[in-house]
C-alpha atoms as a PDB file:
ATOM      1  CA  VAL A   1      24.555 -29.920   1.342  1.00  0.00           C
ATOM      2  CA  ASN A   2      27.783 -28.706   2.860  1.00  0.00           C
ATOM      3  CA  ASN A   3      28.009 -25.056   1.842  1.00  0.00           C
ATOM      4  CA  ASP A   4      25.862 -22.024   1.021  1.00  0.00           C
ATOM      5  CA  TYR A   5      26.089 -22.552  -2.734  1.00  0.00           C
ATOM      6  CA  SER A   6      24.846 -26.152  -2.428  1.00  0.00           C
ATOM      7  CA  ALA A   7      22.025 -25.014  -0.171  1.00  0.00           C
ATOM      8  CA  VAL A   8      20.940 -22.329  -2.635  1.00  0.00           C
ATOM      9  CA  THR A   9      21.178 -24.747  -5.584  1.00  0.00           C
ATOM     10  CA  THR A  10      19.082 -27.308  -3.701  1.00  0.00           C
ATOM     11  CA  LEU A  11      16.458 -24.716  -2.778  1.00  0.00           C
ATOM     12  CA  ALA A  12      16.355 -23.443  -6.363  1.00  0.00           C
ATOM     13  CA  GLY A  13      15.918 -27.021  -7.575  1.00  0.00           C
ATOM     14  CA  ILE A  14      12.973 -27.547  -5.231  1.00  0.00           C
ATOM     15  CA  PHE A  15      11.366 -24.290  -6.402  1.00  0.00           C
ATOM     16  CA  LYS A  16      11.921 -25.216 -10.081  1.00  0.00           C
ATOM     17  CA  THR A  17      10.333 -28.623  -9.518  1.00  0.00           C
ATOM     18  CA  MET A  18       7.263 -26.957  -8.045  1.00  0.00           C
ATOM     19  CA  THR A  19       6.715 -24.797 -11.129  1.00  0.00           C
ATOM     20  CA  VAL A  20       7.742 -27.006 -14.041  1.00  0.00           C
ATOM     21  CA  LYS A  21       5.488 -29.152 -16.214  1.00  0.00           C
ATOM     22  CA  ILE A  22       6.745 -32.731 -16.208  1.00  0.00           C
ATOM     23  CA  GLY A  23       5.619 -34.650 -19.274  1.00  0.00           C
ATOM     24  CA  THR A  24       1.849 -34.380 -19.434  1.00  0.00           C
ATOM     25  CA  VAL A  25       1.531 -33.452 -15.770  1.00  0.00           C
ATOM     26  CA  ASP A  26       0.977 -29.764 -15.123  1.00  0.00           C
ATOM     27  CA  SER A  27       3.137 -27.977 -12.625  1.00  0.00           C
ATOM     28  CA  ALA A  28       2.041 -28.088  -9.004  1.00  0.00           C
ATOM     29  CA  TYR A  29       2.137 -24.291  -8.746  1.00  0.00           C
ATOM     30  CA  GLU A  30       2.184 -21.387 -11.178  1.00  0.00           C
ATOM     31  CA  ALA A  31       4.920 -19.607  -9.236  1.00  0.00           C
ATOM     32  CA  VAL A  32       6.883 -19.694  -6.001  1.00  0.00           C
ATOM     33  CA  TYR A  33       6.963 -16.748  -3.609  1.00  0.00           C
ATOM     34  CA  LEU A  34       9.602 -16.403  -0.927  1.00  0.00           C
ATOM     35  CA  PHE A  35       8.997 -13.766   1.736  1.00  0.00           C
ATOM     36  CA  VAL A  36      12.050 -12.740   3.745  1.00  0.00           C
ATOM     37  CA  ASP A  37      11.215 -10.381   6.584  1.00  0.00           C
ATOM     38  CA  GLU A  38      13.359  -8.190   8.828  1.00  0.00           C
ATOM     39  CA  GLN A  39      15.951  -7.480   6.160  1.00  0.00           C
ATOM     40  CA  GLU A  40      16.961  -4.389   8.123  1.00  0.00           C
ATOM     41  CA  ASN A  41      19.001  -6.818  10.232  1.00  0.00           C
ATOM     42  CA  LEU A  42      21.544  -6.777   7.404  1.00  0.00           C
ATOM     43  CA  VAL A  43      22.736  -3.441   8.797  1.00  0.00           C
ATOM     44  CA  GLU A  44      23.546  -5.031  12.143  1.00  0.00           C
ATOM     45  CA  MET A  45      25.328  -8.077  10.708  1.00  0.00           C
ATOM     46  CA  LYS A  46      29.082  -8.342  10.302  1.00  0.00           C
ATOM     47  CA  ALA A  47      30.175  -7.519   6.756  1.00  0.00           C
ATOM     48  CA  ILE A  48      31.209 -11.103   6.009  1.00  0.00           C
ATOM     49  CA  GLU A  49      27.858 -12.470   7.216  1.00  0.00           C
ATOM     50  CA  SER A  50      25.754 -10.000   5.250  1.00  0.00           C
ATOM     51  CA  SER A  51      27.804 -10.437   2.085  1.00  0.00           C
ATOM     52  CA  GLN A  52      27.414 -14.231   2.252  1.00  0.00           C
ATOM     53  CA  LEU A  53      23.670 -13.906   2.735  1.00  0.00           C
ATOM     54  CA  LEU A  54      23.312 -11.379  -0.074  1.00  0.00           C
ATOM     55  CA  GLN A  55      25.442 -13.551  -2.355  1.00  0.00           C
ATOM     56  CA  SER A  56      23.068 -16.440  -1.638  1.00  0.00           C
ATOM     57  CA  PHE A  57      20.054 -14.271  -2.500  1.00  0.00           C
ATOM     58  CA  ARG A  58      21.735 -13.143  -5.726  1.00  0.00           C
ATOM     59  CA  GLU A  59      22.495 -16.734  -6.700  1.00  0.00           C
ATOM     60  CA  LEU A  60      18.922 -17.785  -5.958  1.00  0.00           C
ATOM     61  CA  ILE A  61      17.626 -14.992  -8.196  1.00  0.00           C
ATOM     62  CA  ASN A  62      20.086 -16.039 -10.929  1.00  0.00           C
ATOM     63  CA  GLN A  63      19.003 -19.670 -10.779  1.00  0.00           C
ATOM     64  CA  LEU A  64      15.292 -18.838 -10.870  1.00  0.00           C
ATOM     65  CA  PRO A  65      14.706 -16.374 -13.724  1.00  0.00           C
ATOM     66  CA  ASN A  66      11.080 -17.503 -14.196  1.00  0.00           C
ATOM     67  CA  TYR A  67       8.088 -18.170 -11.922  1.00  0.00           C
ATOM     68  CA  PHE A  68       9.872 -16.935  -8.822  1.00  0.00           C
ATOM     69  CA  CYS A  69       9.228 -13.913  -6.647  1.00  0.00           C
ATOM     70  CA  MET A  70      11.285 -12.908  -3.653  1.00  0.00           C
ATOM     71  CA  ILE A  71       9.698 -10.325  -1.388  1.00  0.00           C
ATOM     72  CA  TRP A  72      11.821  -8.574   1.189  1.00  0.00           C
ATOM     73  CA  GLY A  73      10.372  -6.844   4.212  1.00  0.00           C
ATOM     74  CA  PHE A  74      12.299  -3.883   5.589  1.00  0.00           C
ATOM     75  CA  SER A  75      11.422  -1.622   8.474  1.00  0.00           C
ATOM     76  CA  ALA A  76      13.576   1.105   7.014  1.00  0.00           C
ATOM     77  CA  ASP A  77      13.627   3.960   4.550  1.00  0.00           C
ATOM     78  CA  ALA A  78      14.263   3.221   0.891  1.00  0.00           C
ATOM     79  CA  ALA A  79      17.579   5.085   1.174  1.00  0.00           C
ATOM     80  CA  LEU A  80      18.812   2.569   3.754  1.00  0.00           C
ATOM     81  CA  ILE A  81      17.806  -0.314   1.512  1.00  0.00           C
ATOM     82  CA  GLU A  82      19.892   1.073  -1.321  1.00  0.00           C
ATOM     83  CA  ALA A  83      22.832   1.625   1.016  1.00  0.00           C
ATOM     84  CA  VAL A  84      22.768  -1.979   2.243  1.00  0.00           C
ATOM     85  CA  ILE A  85      21.882  -3.959  -0.889  1.00  0.00           C
ATOM     86  CA  PRO A  86      24.647  -4.316  -3.469  1.00  0.00           C
ATOM     87  CA  ILE A  87      24.177  -3.016  -7.015  1.00  0.00           C
ATOM     88  CA  SER A  88      24.295  -6.589  -8.349  1.00  0.00           C
ATOM     89  CA  ILE A  89      21.019  -7.302  -6.559  1.00  0.00           C
ATOM     90  CA  LEU A  90      19.428  -3.875  -7.051  1.00  0.00           C
ATOM     91  CA  GLN A  91      19.851  -4.327 -10.814  1.00  0.00           C
ATOM     92  CA  ARG A  92      17.827  -7.533 -10.643  1.00  0.00           C
ATOM     93  CA  LEU A  93      14.816  -5.888  -9.004  1.00  0.00           C
ATOM     94  CA  THR A  94      11.820  -5.934 -11.301  1.00  0.00           C
ATOM     95  CA  ARG A  95       9.536  -3.772  -9.180  1.00  0.00           C
ATOM     96  CA  LYS A  96      10.029  -0.558  -7.288  1.00  0.00           C
ATOM     97  CA  TYR A  97       9.660  -0.430  -3.535  1.00  0.00           C
ATOM     98  CA  ILE A  98       6.241  -0.418  -1.969  1.00  0.00           C
ATOM     99  CA  GLU A  99       6.406   1.750   1.115  1.00  0.00           C
ATOM    100  CA  LEU A 100       3.769   1.161   3.758  1.00  0.00           C
ATOM    101  CA  PRO A 101       3.494   4.034   6.230  1.00  0.00           C
ATOM    102  CA  ALA A 102       2.714   3.396   9.873  1.00  0.00           C
ATOM    103  CA  LEU A 103      -0.968   3.192  10.705  1.00  0.00           C
ATOM    104  CA  GLN A 104      -2.814   6.153  12.135  1.00  0.00           C
ATOM    105  CA  PRO A 105      -4.600   5.502  15.471  1.00  0.00           C
ATOM    106  CA  ASP A 106      -8.050   5.187  13.858  1.00  0.00           C
ATOM    107  CA  GLU A 107      -6.633   2.821  11.212  1.00  0.00           C
ATOM    108  CA  ALA A 108      -4.935   0.776  13.931  1.00  0.00           C
ATOM    109  CA  LYS A 109      -8.179   0.492  15.851  1.00  0.00           C
ATOM    110  CA  GLU A 110     -10.059  -0.671  12.752  1.00  0.00           C
ATOM    111  CA  PHE A 111      -7.230  -3.112  11.968  1.00  0.00           C
ATOM    112  CA  ILE A 112      -7.492  -4.606  15.470  1.00  0.00           C
ATOM    113  CA  ARG A 113     -11.275  -4.948  15.211  1.00  0.00           C
ATOM    114  CA  GLU A 114     -10.998  -6.678  11.825  1.00  0.00           C
ATOM    115  CA  GLN A 115      -8.278  -9.035  13.061  1.00  0.00           C
ATOM    116  CA  LEU A 116     -10.225 -10.013  16.154  1.00  0.00           C
ATOM    117  CA  GLN A 117     -13.369 -10.562  14.108  1.00  0.00           C
ATOM    118  CA  GLY A 118     -11.585 -12.444  11.347  1.00  0.00           C
ATOM    119  CA  PHE A 119      -9.963 -15.003  13.625  1.00  0.00           C
ATOM    120  CA  ARG A 120     -12.958 -15.923  15.725  1.00  0.00           C
ATOM    121  CA  LYS A 121     -14.785 -19.203  15.330  1.00  0.00           C
ATOM    122  CA  GLN A 122     -17.763 -18.876  12.998  1.00  0.00           C
ATOM    123  CA  ASP A 123     -20.291 -19.724  15.695  1.00  0.00           C
ATOM    124  CA  PHE A 124     -18.736 -17.470  18.373  1.00  0.00           C
ATOM    125  CA  ASN A 125     -20.837 -14.435  19.213  1.00  0.00           C
ATOM    126  CA  ALA A 126     -18.463 -11.876  20.712  1.00  0.00           C
ATOM    127  CA  PRO A 127     -20.028  -9.635  23.369  1.00  0.00           C
ATOM    128  CA  SER A 128     -18.239  -6.616  21.856  1.00  0.00           C
ATOM    129  CA  PRO A 129     -16.205  -5.906  18.690  1.00  0.00           C
ATOM    130  CA  TYR A 130     -12.914  -5.770  20.623  1.00  0.00           C
ATOM    131  CA  TYR A 131     -13.516  -8.745  22.931  1.00  0.00           C
ATOM    132  CA  PRO A 132     -11.502  -9.822  24.980  1.00  0.00           C
ATOM    133  CA  PHE A 133     -10.606  -6.131  25.315  1.00  0.00           C
ATOM    134  CA  SER A 134     -12.821  -3.161  26.012  1.00  0.00           C
ATOM    135  CA  GLU A 135     -12.689  -0.340  23.491  1.00  0.00           C
ATOM    136  CA  GLY A 136     -11.008   1.801  26.156  1.00  0.00           C
ATOM    137  CA  ALA A 137      -8.290  -0.827  26.620  1.00  0.00           C
ATOM    138  CA  ILE A 138      -7.641  -0.773  22.872  1.00  0.00           C
ATOM    139  CA  ASP A 139      -7.397   3.028  22.955  1.00  0.00           C
ATOM    140  CA  ALA A 140      -4.993   2.867  25.904  1.00  0.00           C
ATOM    141  CA  ALA A 141      -2.768   0.358  24.104  1.00  0.00           C
ATOM    142  CA  ILE A 142      -2.764   2.377  20.874  1.00  0.00           C
ATOM    143  CA  GLU A 143      -1.688   5.502  22.794  1.00  0.00           C
ATOM    144  CA  ARG A 144       1.418   3.660  24.019  1.00  0.00           C
ATOM    145  CA  ILE A 145       2.604   2.269  20.683  1.00  0.00           C
ATOM    146  CA  VAL A 146       5.360   4.422  19.203  1.00  0.00           C
ATOM    147  CA  GLU A 147       5.609   2.928  15.700  1.00  0.00           C
ATOM    148  CA  MET A 148       2.107   1.827  14.707  1.00  0.00           C
ATOM    149  CA  THR A 149       2.854  -1.321  12.690  1.00  0.00           C
ATOM    150  CA  PRO A 150       0.773  -4.499  12.736  1.00  0.00           C
ATOM    151  CA  ARG A 151       3.661  -6.325  14.419  1.00  0.00           C
ATOM    152  CA  ASN A 152       3.927  -3.772  17.233  1.00  0.00           C
ATOM    153  CA  ILE A 153       0.158  -3.750  17.707  1.00  0.00           C
ATOM    154  CA  PHE A 154       0.098  -7.533  18.033  1.00  0.00           C
ATOM    155  CA  LYS A 155       3.080  -7.532  20.414  1.00  0.00           C
ATOM    156  CA  VAL A 156       1.517  -5.002  22.780  1.00  0.00           C
ATOM    157  CA  LEU A 157      -1.953  -6.559  22.791  1.00  0.00           C
ATOM    158  CA  ARG A 158      -0.562 -10.052  23.212  1.00  0.00           C
ATOM    159  CA  ALA A 159       1.569  -8.934  26.163  1.00  0.00           C
ATOM    160  CA  VAL A 160      -1.425  -7.233  27.776  1.00  0.00           C
ATOM    161  CA  LEU A 161      -3.684 -10.253  27.288  1.00  0.00           C
ATOM    162  CA  GLU A 162      -1.076 -12.746  28.506  1.00  0.00           C
ATOM    163  CA  ARG A 163      -0.366 -10.721  31.636  1.00  0.00           C
ATOM    164  CA  ALA A 164      -4.094 -10.278  32.269  1.00  0.00           C
ATOM    165  CA  ILE A 165      -4.548 -14.042  32.118  1.00  0.00           C
ATOM    166  CA  ARG A 166      -1.429 -15.038  34.061  1.00  0.00           C
ATOM    167  CA  ARG A 167      -1.136 -12.324  36.693  1.00  0.00           C
ATOM    168  CA  HIS A 168      -4.689 -11.075  36.994  1.00  0.00           C
ATOM    169  CA  GLU A 169      -6.471 -14.376  36.362  1.00  0.00           C
ATOM    170  CA  LEU A 170      -8.633 -13.028  33.558  1.00  0.00           C
ATOM    171  CA  GLN A 171     -11.156 -15.647  32.463  1.00  0.00           C
ATOM    172  CA  PRO A 172     -13.998 -15.547  29.940  1.00  0.00           C
ATOM    173  CA  PRO A 173     -16.392 -13.774  29.755  1.00  0.00           C
ATOM    174  CA  ASN A 174     -14.407 -11.067  31.593  1.00  0.00           C
ATOM    175  CA  ILE A 175     -12.527  -8.514  29.521  1.00  0.00           C
ATOM    176  CA  VAL A 176      -9.365  -6.469  29.755  1.00  0.00           C
ATOM    177  CA  ASP A 177     -10.811  -3.083  30.656  1.00  0.00           C
ATOM    178  CA  VAL A 178      -9.043   0.268  30.439  1.00  0.00           C
ATOM    179  CA  ASP A 179      -7.911   0.206  34.088  1.00  0.00           C
ATOM    180  CA  LEU A 180      -6.358  -3.251  33.808  1.00  0.00           C
ATOM    181  CA  ALA A 181      -4.779  -2.381  30.449  1.00  0.00           C
ATOM    182  CA  ASN A 182      -3.217   0.780  31.902  1.00  0.00           C
ATOM    183  CA  LYS A 183      -1.991  -1.103  34.953  1.00  0.00           C
ATOM    184  CA  ILE A 184      -0.281  -3.686  32.739  1.00  0.00           C
ATOM    185  CA  LEU A 185       1.021  -1.129  30.253  1.00  0.00           C
ATOM    186  CA  ASP A 186       2.488   0.972  33.071  1.00  0.00           C
ATOM    187  CA  LEU A 187       4.607  -2.011  34.104  1.00  0.00           C
ATOM    188  CA  GLN A 188       6.031  -2.403  30.590  1.00  0.00           C
ATOM    189  CA  ILE A 189       7.379   1.124  30.232  1.00  0.00           C
END
């Protein structure tokens, strides 16, 4: 593989192999899904770089007309997407955009609780729903997040927890309370 076209052809070949029936052997998978996040970076790329990347995506779509789904994640308005993506790719879209608005504070709080609960060991009995944070610490963090996306929520809470452990020697069963959260968050502004 010595150029973009060869790379795309190789990738398409791998995806085809995953979804094709070979003789009497069923395919390994019914379909292949490729998720490409942060597509808004196309706006910041040099024209030559973005056109090469978009050409590669177009060729991948051309080579995989069946059993293939490419999902692009943008943190941008639909209008920006249409301004950046060439017509040759827009014409190949089979579904309209799905716009996900930013979370509201109460939705963000519920999201955090569910994530913390969902990733705990089965036998772990958390002392509170937001452990290792207090509910007040969660509220303080949510107040500071400008764009309430899952990624931003995770970034802020991870930074708070890491600093609490490294700089404030937080150890189980202690929690990040509202005062410690505010102290850490004040340093990040």
